N, C-alpha and C. Protein backbone atom coordinates (compact mmCIF):
# COMPACT_ATOMS: atom_id res chain seq x y z
N MET A 1 -63.55 -32.42 177.14
CA MET A 1 -64.52 -32.72 176.11
C MET A 1 -63.87 -32.61 174.75
N ALA A 2 -64.12 -33.55 173.85
CA ALA A 2 -63.49 -33.54 172.53
C ALA A 2 -64.06 -32.41 171.69
N ARG A 3 -63.16 -31.79 170.92
CA ARG A 3 -63.60 -30.71 170.04
C ARG A 3 -64.14 -31.30 168.75
N SER A 4 -65.12 -30.62 168.15
CA SER A 4 -65.67 -31.08 166.89
C SER A 4 -64.67 -30.82 165.77
N GLY A 5 -64.91 -31.48 164.62
CA GLY A 5 -64.04 -31.25 163.47
C GLY A 5 -64.05 -29.80 163.07
N ARG A 6 -65.22 -29.17 163.17
CA ARG A 6 -65.34 -27.75 162.82
C ARG A 6 -64.51 -26.89 163.77
N GLY A 7 -64.52 -27.24 165.06
CA GLY A 7 -63.74 -26.49 166.05
C GLY A 7 -62.25 -26.57 165.76
N ARG A 8 -61.77 -27.75 165.38
CA ARG A 8 -60.35 -27.91 165.05
C ARG A 8 -60.00 -27.11 163.81
N GLU A 9 -60.90 -27.11 162.83
CA GLU A 9 -60.65 -26.33 161.60
C GLU A 9 -60.53 -24.84 161.93
N ASP A 10 -61.39 -24.35 162.82
CA ASP A 10 -61.33 -22.94 163.23
C ASP A 10 -60.01 -22.63 163.92
N GLU A 11 -59.53 -23.59 164.75
CA GLU A 11 -58.27 -23.39 165.45
C GLU A 11 -57.10 -23.33 164.47
N ILE A 12 -57.11 -24.21 163.48
CA ILE A 12 -56.02 -24.22 162.48
C ILE A 12 -56.02 -22.91 161.72
N ARG A 13 -57.22 -22.50 161.28
CA ARG A 13 -57.34 -21.24 160.53
C ARG A 13 -56.84 -20.07 161.38
N ALA A 14 -57.26 -20.01 162.64
CA ALA A 14 -56.86 -18.91 163.52
C ALA A 14 -55.35 -18.92 163.75
N HIS A 15 -54.77 -20.10 163.90
CA HIS A 15 -53.33 -20.20 164.14
C HIS A 15 -52.54 -19.67 162.94
N VAL A 16 -52.90 -20.11 161.76
CA VAL A 16 -52.17 -19.67 160.56
C VAL A 16 -52.38 -18.17 160.34
N GLU A 17 -53.62 -17.71 160.45
CA GLU A 17 -53.91 -16.30 160.17
C GLU A 17 -53.38 -15.35 161.25
N SER A 18 -53.02 -15.89 162.42
CA SER A 18 -52.50 -15.03 163.49
C SER A 18 -51.18 -14.37 163.12
N ILE A 19 -50.50 -14.89 162.11
CA ILE A 19 -49.23 -14.28 161.70
C ILE A 19 -49.44 -12.85 161.23
N ARG A 20 -50.62 -12.56 160.70
CA ARG A 20 -50.91 -11.20 160.21
C ARG A 20 -50.98 -10.18 161.35
N ARG A 21 -51.18 -10.64 162.58
CA ARG A 21 -51.26 -9.73 163.73
C ARG A 21 -49.93 -9.56 164.44
N GLU A 22 -48.94 -10.34 164.04
CA GLU A 22 -47.63 -10.26 164.70
C GLU A 22 -46.93 -8.96 164.34
N LYS A 23 -46.17 -8.46 165.30
CA LYS A 23 -45.46 -7.19 165.12
C LYS A 23 -44.53 -7.23 163.91
N ALA A 24 -43.81 -8.33 163.73
CA ALA A 24 -42.87 -8.43 162.61
C ALA A 24 -43.60 -8.32 161.27
N TRP A 25 -44.80 -8.90 161.18
CA TRP A 25 -45.60 -8.84 159.95
C TRP A 25 -46.04 -7.40 159.69
N ILE A 26 -46.51 -6.75 160.74
CA ILE A 26 -46.96 -5.36 160.60
C ILE A 26 -45.79 -4.44 160.25
N ASP A 27 -44.64 -4.62 160.95
CA ASP A 27 -43.46 -3.80 160.69
C ASP A 27 -42.92 -4.00 159.28
N ALA A 28 -43.13 -5.19 158.72
CA ALA A 28 -42.63 -5.47 157.37
C ALA A 28 -43.28 -4.55 156.34
N GLY A 29 -44.47 -4.02 156.67
CA GLY A 29 -45.16 -3.11 155.75
C GLY A 29 -44.41 -1.83 155.48
N SER A 30 -43.51 -1.45 156.37
CA SER A 30 -42.77 -0.20 156.18
C SER A 30 -41.34 -0.44 155.66
N THR A 31 -41.04 -1.68 155.25
CA THR A 31 -39.71 -1.97 154.69
C THR A 31 -39.71 -1.74 153.19
N GLU A 32 -38.53 -1.79 152.60
CA GLU A 32 -38.39 -1.55 151.16
C GLU A 32 -39.09 -2.63 150.34
N PHE A 33 -39.02 -3.88 150.81
CA PHE A 33 -39.66 -5.00 150.10
C PHE A 33 -40.58 -5.75 151.07
N PRO A 34 -41.76 -5.18 151.34
CA PRO A 34 -42.65 -5.78 152.35
C PRO A 34 -43.09 -7.21 152.02
N ASP A 35 -43.39 -7.47 150.75
CA ASP A 35 -43.84 -8.82 150.39
C ASP A 35 -42.76 -9.84 150.65
N ALA A 36 -41.52 -9.53 150.29
CA ALA A 36 -40.40 -10.45 150.49
C ALA A 36 -40.18 -10.71 151.98
N GLU A 37 -40.32 -9.67 152.80
CA GLU A 37 -40.15 -9.83 154.25
C GLU A 37 -41.23 -10.73 154.83
N ARG A 38 -42.45 -10.55 154.35
CA ARG A 38 -43.56 -11.35 154.87
C ARG A 38 -43.47 -12.81 154.42
N VAL A 39 -43.01 -13.02 153.20
CA VAL A 39 -42.80 -14.39 152.73
C VAL A 39 -41.73 -15.06 153.60
N LYS A 40 -40.69 -14.29 153.95
CA LYS A 40 -39.63 -14.80 154.81
C LYS A 40 -40.21 -15.19 156.18
N LEU A 41 -41.11 -14.37 156.73
CA LEU A 41 -41.74 -14.68 158.01
C LEU A 41 -42.61 -15.94 157.92
N LEU A 42 -43.30 -16.10 156.81
CA LEU A 42 -44.11 -17.30 156.60
C LEU A 42 -43.22 -18.55 156.60
N ARG A 43 -42.08 -18.45 155.93
CA ARG A 43 -41.18 -19.60 155.87
C ARG A 43 -40.60 -19.93 157.24
N GLU A 44 -40.29 -18.89 158.02
CA GLU A 44 -39.74 -19.12 159.36
C GLU A 44 -40.78 -19.77 160.28
N ALA A 45 -42.03 -19.36 160.14
CA ALA A 45 -43.08 -19.86 161.04
C ALA A 45 -43.63 -21.21 160.61
N PHE A 46 -43.77 -21.42 159.29
CA PHE A 46 -44.47 -22.62 158.81
C PHE A 46 -43.70 -23.45 157.78
N GLN A 47 -42.46 -23.06 157.49
CA GLN A 47 -41.69 -23.72 156.43
C GLN A 47 -42.50 -23.74 155.12
N TRP A 48 -43.14 -22.62 154.86
CA TRP A 48 -44.01 -22.50 153.69
C TRP A 48 -44.07 -21.03 153.26
N PRO A 49 -44.13 -20.67 151.99
CA PRO A 49 -44.20 -21.54 150.82
C PRO A 49 -42.86 -22.25 150.57
N PRO A 50 -42.93 -23.38 149.88
CA PRO A 50 -41.70 -24.14 149.63
C PRO A 50 -40.73 -23.35 148.77
N VAL A 51 -39.45 -23.55 149.01
CA VAL A 51 -38.43 -22.93 148.18
C VAL A 51 -38.21 -23.88 147.01
N ASP A 52 -38.74 -23.53 145.89
CA ASP A 52 -38.68 -24.40 144.71
C ASP A 52 -38.18 -23.60 143.52
N ALA A 53 -37.12 -24.05 142.92
CA ALA A 53 -36.53 -23.33 141.78
C ALA A 53 -37.52 -23.23 140.62
N LYS A 54 -38.36 -24.26 140.44
CA LYS A 54 -39.32 -24.25 139.33
C LYS A 54 -40.51 -23.35 139.63
N ASP A 55 -40.93 -23.33 140.90
CA ASP A 55 -42.08 -22.54 141.35
C ASP A 55 -43.28 -22.74 140.42
N GLU A 56 -43.62 -24.01 140.22
CA GLU A 56 -44.72 -24.35 139.31
C GLU A 56 -46.07 -23.79 139.77
N ASP A 57 -46.23 -23.59 141.08
CA ASP A 57 -47.49 -23.06 141.60
C ASP A 57 -47.51 -21.55 141.65
N GLY A 58 -46.43 -20.91 141.25
CA GLY A 58 -46.37 -19.45 141.18
C GLY A 58 -46.40 -18.75 142.52
N TYR A 59 -45.87 -19.41 143.58
CA TYR A 59 -45.89 -18.81 144.90
C TYR A 59 -45.08 -17.52 144.97
N SER A 60 -43.99 -17.45 144.21
CA SER A 60 -43.09 -16.28 144.31
C SER A 60 -43.77 -14.99 143.86
N SER A 61 -44.80 -15.10 143.02
CA SER A 61 -45.46 -13.89 142.53
C SER A 61 -46.74 -13.55 143.30
N ARG A 62 -47.07 -14.34 144.30
CA ARG A 62 -48.32 -14.09 145.03
C ARG A 62 -48.14 -13.10 146.17
N ASN A 63 -49.20 -12.42 146.46
CA ASN A 63 -49.26 -11.50 147.59
C ASN A 63 -49.21 -12.33 148.89
N PRO A 64 -48.46 -11.86 149.91
CA PRO A 64 -48.37 -12.64 151.15
C PRO A 64 -49.71 -12.96 151.80
N ASP A 65 -50.69 -12.03 151.71
CA ASP A 65 -52.01 -12.33 152.27
C ASP A 65 -52.66 -13.49 151.52
N ASP A 66 -52.44 -13.55 150.21
CA ASP A 66 -52.97 -14.68 149.43
C ASP A 66 -52.27 -15.97 149.84
N LEU A 67 -50.97 -15.85 150.16
CA LEU A 67 -50.22 -17.03 150.58
C LEU A 67 -50.74 -17.57 151.91
N VAL A 68 -51.11 -16.67 152.82
CA VAL A 68 -51.69 -17.10 154.10
C VAL A 68 -52.99 -17.86 153.85
N SER A 69 -53.83 -17.30 152.99
CA SER A 69 -55.11 -17.96 152.67
C SER A 69 -54.88 -19.32 152.02
N LYS A 70 -53.89 -19.39 151.13
CA LYS A 70 -53.58 -20.65 150.46
C LYS A 70 -53.07 -21.68 151.46
N LEU A 71 -52.26 -21.23 152.43
CA LEU A 71 -51.75 -22.16 153.46
C LEU A 71 -52.89 -22.72 154.29
N VAL A 72 -53.85 -21.89 154.65
CA VAL A 72 -55.03 -22.38 155.39
C VAL A 72 -55.75 -23.43 154.55
N GLU A 73 -55.93 -23.13 153.28
CA GLU A 73 -56.63 -24.05 152.36
C GLU A 73 -55.93 -25.40 152.29
N LEU A 74 -54.59 -25.39 152.30
CA LEU A 74 -53.82 -26.63 152.22
C LEU A 74 -53.75 -27.35 153.57
N ALA A 75 -53.73 -26.57 154.66
CA ALA A 75 -53.55 -27.16 156.00
C ALA A 75 -54.77 -27.93 156.48
N LEU A 76 -55.97 -27.47 156.15
CA LEU A 76 -57.18 -28.09 156.69
C LEU A 76 -57.32 -29.56 156.28
N PRO A 77 -57.25 -29.90 154.99
CA PRO A 77 -57.38 -31.32 154.65
C PRO A 77 -56.18 -32.15 155.13
N ARG A 78 -55.00 -31.53 155.14
CA ARG A 78 -53.81 -32.27 155.58
C ARG A 78 -53.92 -32.62 157.06
N HIS A 79 -54.44 -31.68 157.86
CA HIS A 79 -54.64 -31.94 159.28
C HIS A 79 -55.59 -33.12 159.48
N GLY A 80 -56.65 -33.15 158.69
CA GLY A 80 -57.61 -34.25 158.77
C GLY A 80 -56.96 -35.60 158.53
N GLN A 81 -56.02 -35.66 157.60
CA GLN A 81 -55.32 -36.91 157.31
C GLN A 81 -54.45 -37.32 158.49
N HIS A 82 -53.80 -36.35 159.13
CA HIS A 82 -52.90 -36.67 160.24
C HIS A 82 -53.64 -37.08 161.50
N VAL A 83 -54.80 -36.49 161.75
CA VAL A 83 -55.56 -36.83 162.95
C VAL A 83 -55.90 -38.32 162.94
N GLY A 84 -56.24 -38.82 161.78
CA GLY A 84 -56.57 -40.24 161.67
C GLY A 84 -55.40 -41.15 161.95
N LYS A 85 -54.19 -40.65 161.81
CA LYS A 85 -53.00 -41.47 162.01
C LYS A 85 -52.45 -41.41 163.42
N ILE A 86 -52.97 -40.49 164.23
CA ILE A 86 -52.41 -40.29 165.57
C ILE A 86 -52.51 -41.57 166.40
N HIS A 87 -53.67 -42.19 166.42
CA HIS A 87 -53.87 -43.38 167.25
C HIS A 87 -52.91 -44.48 166.82
N ALA A 88 -52.80 -44.70 165.52
CA ALA A 88 -51.90 -45.76 165.02
C ALA A 88 -50.45 -45.45 165.36
N ALA A 89 -50.04 -44.19 165.19
CA ALA A 89 -48.65 -43.81 165.46
C ALA A 89 -48.33 -43.95 166.93
N TRP A 90 -49.22 -43.52 167.80
CA TRP A 90 -48.96 -43.60 169.24
C TRP A 90 -48.97 -45.04 169.72
N SER A 91 -49.87 -45.86 169.20
CA SER A 91 -49.91 -47.25 169.65
C SER A 91 -48.62 -47.97 169.27
N ARG A 92 -48.06 -47.63 168.09
CA ARG A 92 -46.76 -48.21 167.71
C ARG A 92 -45.65 -47.68 168.61
N ALA A 93 -45.68 -46.38 168.89
CA ALA A 93 -44.62 -45.76 169.68
C ALA A 93 -44.53 -46.32 171.09
N ILE A 94 -45.66 -46.67 171.71
CA ILE A 94 -45.62 -47.20 173.07
C ILE A 94 -45.56 -48.72 173.10
N GLY A 95 -45.56 -49.34 171.94
CA GLY A 95 -45.43 -50.79 171.89
C GLY A 95 -46.73 -51.56 171.99
N LEU A 96 -47.87 -50.86 171.87
CA LEU A 96 -49.16 -51.52 171.99
C LEU A 96 -49.56 -52.24 170.70
N SER A 97 -48.95 -51.86 169.59
CA SER A 97 -49.21 -52.57 168.34
C SER A 97 -47.87 -52.89 167.69
N SER A 98 -47.85 -53.96 166.91
CA SER A 98 -46.62 -54.38 166.25
C SER A 98 -46.98 -55.21 165.02
N ARG A 99 -45.96 -55.57 164.27
CA ARG A 99 -46.16 -56.42 163.10
C ARG A 99 -45.87 -57.88 163.43
N ARG A 100 -45.88 -58.21 164.68
CA ARG A 100 -45.57 -59.58 165.09
C ARG A 100 -46.49 -60.57 164.40
N LEU A 101 -45.91 -61.52 163.69
CA LEU A 101 -46.63 -62.58 162.95
C LEU A 101 -47.64 -62.01 161.94
N SER A 102 -47.36 -60.82 161.44
CA SER A 102 -48.29 -60.20 160.49
C SER A 102 -47.54 -59.19 159.63
N ARG A 103 -48.04 -58.95 158.44
CA ARG A 103 -47.46 -57.92 157.57
C ARG A 103 -47.88 -56.53 158.00
N ARG A 104 -49.06 -56.46 158.58
CA ARG A 104 -49.62 -55.16 158.96
C ARG A 104 -49.57 -55.00 160.46
N TYR A 105 -49.66 -53.73 160.90
CA TYR A 105 -49.70 -53.47 162.33
C TYR A 105 -51.04 -53.91 162.89
N ARG A 106 -50.98 -54.52 164.05
CA ARG A 106 -52.20 -54.93 164.74
C ARG A 106 -51.94 -54.83 166.23
N TYR A 107 -53.01 -54.92 167.02
CA TYR A 107 -52.83 -54.84 168.46
C TYR A 107 -52.17 -56.12 168.96
N ALA A 108 -50.88 -56.01 169.16
CA ALA A 108 -50.07 -57.11 169.69
C ALA A 108 -48.88 -56.43 170.35
N PRO A 109 -48.79 -56.48 171.67
CA PRO A 109 -47.70 -55.76 172.35
C PRO A 109 -46.34 -56.26 171.91
N ASN A 110 -45.40 -55.33 171.77
CA ASN A 110 -44.05 -55.75 171.41
C ASN A 110 -43.30 -56.20 172.66
N ASP A 111 -42.12 -56.78 172.45
CA ASP A 111 -41.35 -57.34 173.57
C ASP A 111 -41.00 -56.29 174.62
N ARG A 112 -40.67 -55.09 174.17
CA ARG A 112 -40.29 -54.05 175.11
C ARG A 112 -41.44 -53.68 176.05
N LEU A 113 -42.66 -53.60 175.50
CA LEU A 113 -43.81 -53.27 176.35
C LEU A 113 -44.06 -54.40 177.35
N LEU A 114 -43.98 -55.65 176.89
CA LEU A 114 -44.19 -56.78 177.80
C LEU A 114 -43.17 -56.77 178.93
N LYS A 115 -41.91 -56.52 178.60
CA LYS A 115 -40.87 -56.46 179.64
C LYS A 115 -41.16 -55.32 180.62
N SER A 116 -41.60 -54.17 180.09
CA SER A 116 -41.91 -53.03 180.95
C SER A 116 -43.04 -53.35 181.92
N ILE A 117 -44.07 -54.05 181.43
CA ILE A 117 -45.20 -54.41 182.29
C ILE A 117 -44.73 -55.36 183.39
N VAL A 118 -43.91 -56.35 183.02
CA VAL A 118 -43.40 -57.30 184.02
C VAL A 118 -42.58 -56.57 185.08
N ILE A 119 -41.68 -55.69 184.64
CA ILE A 119 -40.82 -54.96 185.58
C ILE A 119 -41.65 -54.06 186.50
N ALA A 120 -42.72 -53.47 185.95
CA ALA A 120 -43.56 -52.57 186.76
C ALA A 120 -44.40 -53.33 187.78
N ILE A 121 -44.80 -54.55 187.46
CA ILE A 121 -45.71 -55.30 188.33
C ILE A 121 -44.98 -56.24 189.29
N VAL A 122 -43.96 -56.92 188.80
CA VAL A 122 -43.34 -58.00 189.57
C VAL A 122 -42.16 -57.48 190.39
N GLY A 123 -42.23 -57.72 191.69
CA GLY A 123 -41.11 -57.33 192.55
C GLY A 123 -39.94 -58.28 192.35
N ASP A 124 -40.13 -59.54 192.68
CA ASP A 124 -39.10 -60.57 192.51
C ASP A 124 -39.67 -61.63 191.58
N ARG A 125 -40.67 -62.33 192.07
CA ARG A 125 -41.40 -63.28 191.23
C ARG A 125 -42.84 -63.35 191.70
N MET A 126 -43.70 -63.79 190.80
CA MET A 126 -45.13 -63.80 191.09
C MET A 126 -45.76 -64.90 190.27
N GLN A 127 -46.72 -65.58 190.84
CA GLN A 127 -47.42 -66.62 190.10
C GLN A 127 -48.10 -65.99 188.88
N PHE A 128 -48.10 -66.70 187.78
CA PHE A 128 -48.61 -66.16 186.51
C PHE A 128 -50.05 -65.68 186.63
N ASP A 129 -50.91 -66.47 187.29
CA ASP A 129 -52.32 -66.06 187.45
C ASP A 129 -52.44 -64.78 188.26
N GLU A 130 -51.60 -64.62 189.28
CA GLU A 130 -51.61 -63.39 190.08
C GLU A 130 -51.14 -62.21 189.23
N PHE A 131 -50.18 -62.46 188.36
CA PHE A 131 -49.68 -61.42 187.46
C PHE A 131 -50.81 -60.91 186.55
N LEU A 132 -51.62 -61.84 186.04
CA LEU A 132 -52.73 -61.46 185.16
C LEU A 132 -53.77 -60.62 185.91
N VAL A 133 -54.04 -61.00 187.15
CA VAL A 133 -55.00 -60.25 187.98
C VAL A 133 -54.47 -58.84 188.23
N GLU A 134 -53.18 -58.74 188.53
CA GLU A 134 -52.58 -57.43 188.82
C GLU A 134 -52.52 -56.57 187.56
N ALA A 135 -52.26 -57.18 186.40
CA ALA A 135 -52.23 -56.43 185.14
C ALA A 135 -53.61 -55.83 184.85
N LYS A 136 -54.66 -56.58 185.19
CA LYS A 136 -56.01 -56.04 185.01
C LYS A 136 -56.29 -54.93 186.02
N ARG A 137 -55.90 -55.15 187.28
CA ARG A 137 -56.18 -54.17 188.33
C ARG A 137 -55.46 -52.84 188.05
N ARG A 138 -54.20 -52.92 187.65
CA ARG A 138 -53.41 -51.70 187.45
C ARG A 138 -53.68 -51.02 186.12
N TYR A 139 -53.75 -51.81 185.07
CA TYR A 139 -53.77 -51.23 183.71
C TYR A 139 -55.03 -51.56 182.90
N GLY A 140 -55.95 -52.33 183.49
CA GLY A 140 -57.17 -52.67 182.77
C GLY A 140 -56.95 -53.67 181.65
N LEU A 141 -55.84 -54.42 181.70
CA LEU A 141 -55.53 -55.39 180.65
C LEU A 141 -56.25 -56.70 180.92
N VAL A 142 -57.15 -57.06 180.03
CA VAL A 142 -57.88 -58.33 180.16
C VAL A 142 -57.20 -59.31 179.23
N ILE A 143 -56.52 -60.29 179.84
CA ILE A 143 -55.72 -61.22 179.04
C ILE A 143 -56.32 -62.62 179.07
N GLY A 144 -56.61 -63.14 180.25
CA GLY A 144 -57.11 -64.50 180.37
C GLY A 144 -58.60 -64.58 180.64
N ASP A 145 -59.08 -65.84 180.72
CA ASP A 145 -60.52 -66.04 180.90
C ASP A 145 -61.00 -65.67 182.30
N ALA A 146 -60.14 -65.80 183.31
CA ALA A 146 -60.56 -65.42 184.66
C ALA A 146 -60.80 -63.91 184.75
N GLU A 147 -59.89 -63.12 184.16
CA GLU A 147 -60.03 -61.66 184.19
C GLU A 147 -61.17 -61.18 183.29
N GLY A 148 -61.46 -61.95 182.25
CA GLY A 148 -62.50 -61.56 181.30
C GLY A 148 -63.82 -62.25 181.50
N ALA A 149 -64.04 -62.82 182.70
CA ALA A 149 -65.28 -63.57 182.97
C ALA A 149 -66.52 -62.73 182.70
N HIS A 150 -66.48 -61.45 183.09
CA HIS A 150 -67.65 -60.58 182.89
C HIS A 150 -67.92 -60.36 181.40
N LEU A 151 -66.86 -60.38 180.57
CA LEU A 151 -67.05 -60.23 179.12
C LEU A 151 -67.64 -61.50 178.51
N VAL A 152 -67.24 -62.65 179.06
CA VAL A 152 -67.80 -63.92 178.58
C VAL A 152 -69.28 -63.99 178.93
N GLU A 153 -69.62 -63.59 180.17
CA GLU A 153 -71.03 -63.60 180.59
C GLU A 153 -71.88 -62.67 179.74
N ALA A 154 -71.28 -61.53 179.34
CA ALA A 154 -72.01 -60.57 178.50
C ALA A 154 -71.99 -60.97 177.03
N LYS A 155 -71.34 -62.10 176.75
CA LYS A 155 -71.21 -62.62 175.38
C LYS A 155 -70.50 -61.64 174.45
N SER A 156 -69.57 -60.85 175.05
CA SER A 156 -68.77 -59.92 174.26
C SER A 156 -67.57 -60.61 173.62
N ILE A 157 -67.17 -61.73 174.23
CA ILE A 157 -66.01 -62.45 173.73
C ILE A 157 -66.16 -63.92 174.09
N ASP A 158 -65.52 -64.77 173.34
CA ASP A 158 -65.59 -66.20 173.56
C ASP A 158 -64.53 -66.61 174.59
N GLN A 159 -64.90 -67.48 175.51
CA GLN A 159 -63.97 -67.90 176.56
C GLN A 159 -62.75 -68.60 175.97
N ALA A 160 -62.94 -69.35 174.91
CA ALA A 160 -61.81 -70.07 174.29
C ALA A 160 -60.76 -69.09 173.77
N GLU A 161 -61.21 -67.94 173.26
CA GLU A 161 -60.27 -66.93 172.76
C GLU A 161 -59.44 -66.35 173.90
N LEU A 162 -60.08 -66.11 175.04
CA LEU A 162 -59.34 -65.59 176.19
C LEU A 162 -58.34 -66.62 176.72
N SER A 163 -58.74 -67.89 176.74
CA SER A 163 -57.83 -68.95 177.18
C SER A 163 -56.63 -69.04 176.24
N GLU A 164 -56.89 -68.94 174.95
CA GLU A 164 -55.80 -68.98 173.97
C GLU A 164 -54.89 -67.76 174.14
N ASN A 165 -55.49 -66.61 174.40
CA ASN A 165 -54.74 -65.38 174.62
C ASN A 165 -53.80 -65.53 175.81
N ARG A 166 -54.32 -66.12 176.90
CA ARG A 166 -53.53 -66.36 178.11
C ARG A 166 -52.35 -67.26 177.80
N ASP A 167 -52.62 -68.35 177.08
CA ASP A 167 -51.55 -69.30 176.73
C ASP A 167 -50.50 -68.65 175.83
N ASN A 168 -50.95 -67.83 174.89
CA ASN A 168 -50.01 -67.14 173.99
C ASN A 168 -49.10 -66.18 174.76
N LEU A 169 -49.69 -65.45 175.72
CA LEU A 169 -48.87 -64.53 176.51
C LEU A 169 -47.85 -65.31 177.34
N GLU A 170 -48.29 -66.38 177.95
CA GLU A 170 -47.36 -67.18 178.76
C GLU A 170 -46.21 -67.70 177.89
N ALA A 171 -46.53 -68.18 176.69
CA ALA A 171 -45.49 -68.69 175.80
C ALA A 171 -44.51 -67.58 175.40
N ARG A 172 -45.03 -66.40 175.15
CA ARG A 172 -44.15 -65.27 174.80
C ARG A 172 -43.24 -64.88 175.95
N LEU A 173 -43.80 -64.85 177.15
CA LEU A 173 -42.99 -64.50 178.31
C LEU A 173 -41.94 -65.57 178.61
N VAL A 174 -42.28 -66.84 178.34
CA VAL A 174 -41.29 -67.91 178.47
C VAL A 174 -40.16 -67.66 177.48
N GLY A 175 -40.53 -67.31 176.24
CA GLY A 175 -39.53 -67.04 175.19
C GLY A 175 -38.63 -65.86 175.53
N LEU A 176 -39.17 -64.91 176.29
CA LEU A 176 -38.38 -63.74 176.70
C LEU A 176 -37.59 -63.99 177.98
N GLY A 177 -37.74 -65.17 178.55
CA GLY A 177 -37.04 -65.49 179.79
C GLY A 177 -37.66 -64.84 181.01
N LEU A 178 -38.94 -64.50 180.92
CA LEU A 178 -39.61 -63.82 182.03
C LEU A 178 -40.55 -64.73 182.81
N VAL A 179 -40.79 -65.94 182.29
CA VAL A 179 -41.65 -66.90 182.98
C VAL A 179 -40.90 -68.23 183.11
N ARG A 180 -41.00 -68.80 184.31
CA ARG A 180 -40.43 -70.13 184.55
C ARG A 180 -41.56 -71.07 184.89
N ARG A 181 -41.68 -72.16 184.11
CA ARG A 181 -42.72 -73.16 184.36
C ARG A 181 -42.18 -74.23 185.29
N LEU A 182 -42.85 -74.41 186.41
CA LEU A 182 -42.46 -75.46 187.35
C LEU A 182 -43.27 -76.72 187.10
N SER A 183 -44.47 -76.55 186.55
CA SER A 183 -45.31 -77.69 186.16
C SER A 183 -46.35 -77.13 185.20
N ASP A 184 -47.21 -78.02 184.69
CA ASP A 184 -48.24 -77.56 183.76
C ASP A 184 -49.17 -76.55 184.40
N SER A 185 -49.36 -76.64 185.71
CA SER A 185 -50.33 -75.76 186.36
C SER A 185 -49.66 -74.68 187.21
N CYS A 186 -48.33 -74.59 187.16
CA CYS A 186 -47.65 -73.62 188.02
C CYS A 186 -46.52 -72.93 187.25
N SER A 187 -46.74 -71.65 186.96
CA SER A 187 -45.73 -70.83 186.28
C SER A 187 -45.50 -69.57 187.08
N PHE A 188 -44.26 -69.11 187.10
CA PHE A 188 -43.92 -67.90 187.82
C PHE A 188 -43.34 -66.86 186.86
N VAL A 189 -43.82 -65.62 187.00
CA VAL A 189 -43.26 -64.50 186.25
C VAL A 189 -42.13 -63.94 187.10
N GLU A 190 -40.98 -63.71 186.49
CA GLU A 190 -39.81 -63.24 187.23
C GLU A 190 -39.32 -61.92 186.68
N ASN A 191 -38.99 -61.02 187.58
CA ASN A 191 -38.39 -59.75 187.20
C ASN A 191 -36.90 -60.01 186.97
N PRO A 192 -36.42 -59.88 185.73
CA PRO A 192 -35.02 -60.25 185.44
C PRO A 192 -34.00 -59.38 186.17
N PHE A 193 -34.35 -58.14 186.47
CA PHE A 193 -33.40 -57.25 187.13
C PHE A 193 -33.21 -57.64 188.59
N VAL A 194 -34.29 -58.06 189.26
CA VAL A 194 -34.18 -58.51 190.64
C VAL A 194 -33.38 -59.81 190.68
N SER A 195 -33.63 -60.71 189.73
CA SER A 195 -32.91 -61.98 189.68
C SER A 195 -31.42 -61.75 189.48
N GLU A 196 -31.06 -60.76 188.62
CA GLU A 196 -29.65 -60.46 188.38
C GLU A 196 -28.98 -59.94 189.64
N VAL A 197 -29.69 -59.10 190.41
CA VAL A 197 -29.14 -58.56 191.65
C VAL A 197 -28.91 -59.69 192.66
N ASP A 198 -29.91 -60.60 192.77
CA ASP A 198 -29.78 -61.72 193.70
C ASP A 198 -28.59 -62.60 193.32
N ALA A 199 -28.42 -62.82 192.02
CA ALA A 199 -27.32 -63.67 191.56
C ALA A 199 -25.97 -63.05 191.87
N ALA A 200 -25.91 -61.72 191.86
CA ALA A 200 -24.66 -61.02 192.11
C ALA A 200 -24.30 -61.00 193.59
N CYS A 201 -25.31 -61.18 194.47
CA CYS A 201 -25.06 -61.09 195.92
C CYS A 201 -24.41 -62.36 196.45
């Protein structure tokens, strides 16, 4: 179950403030310069406060407990900014989004992801329509109008868009050398690694 924003804030606060319960933090109280030791522990754990020669924010003169509170204050809004970027960052990392034919990132699989899907699905070669059916069965990818028939019936998407999507994927796979067209109505998806092994035999 997803945690609420408030729950995540409590976790961040608890994580940062837990440093006060650590043995090293407690032991620092009996050293000659307890504040300096605790600031050192903060830097080791969180890379904070920043080491800045100017120290415009006056961190060097603050009590370590105040520094912990300040770190919590800074971490909460920053965490909120990063959570929003997780989906975009991960979709780029796995190849689900790219800048293909666009200045901005959008949902368009990159070449590496397409090759990975072909290699995972196709043993030697497979008819293109069968490949689309298998991509939907294994990964839930709705690419063409046959696989998206239920979406067309529900009027969630236009059939022409799915047909265009199918044609675009076929053209991309042809460009990558992963599809061979034998006629207008017959295309085969080929696993390049299996083909290379066969050629070597």
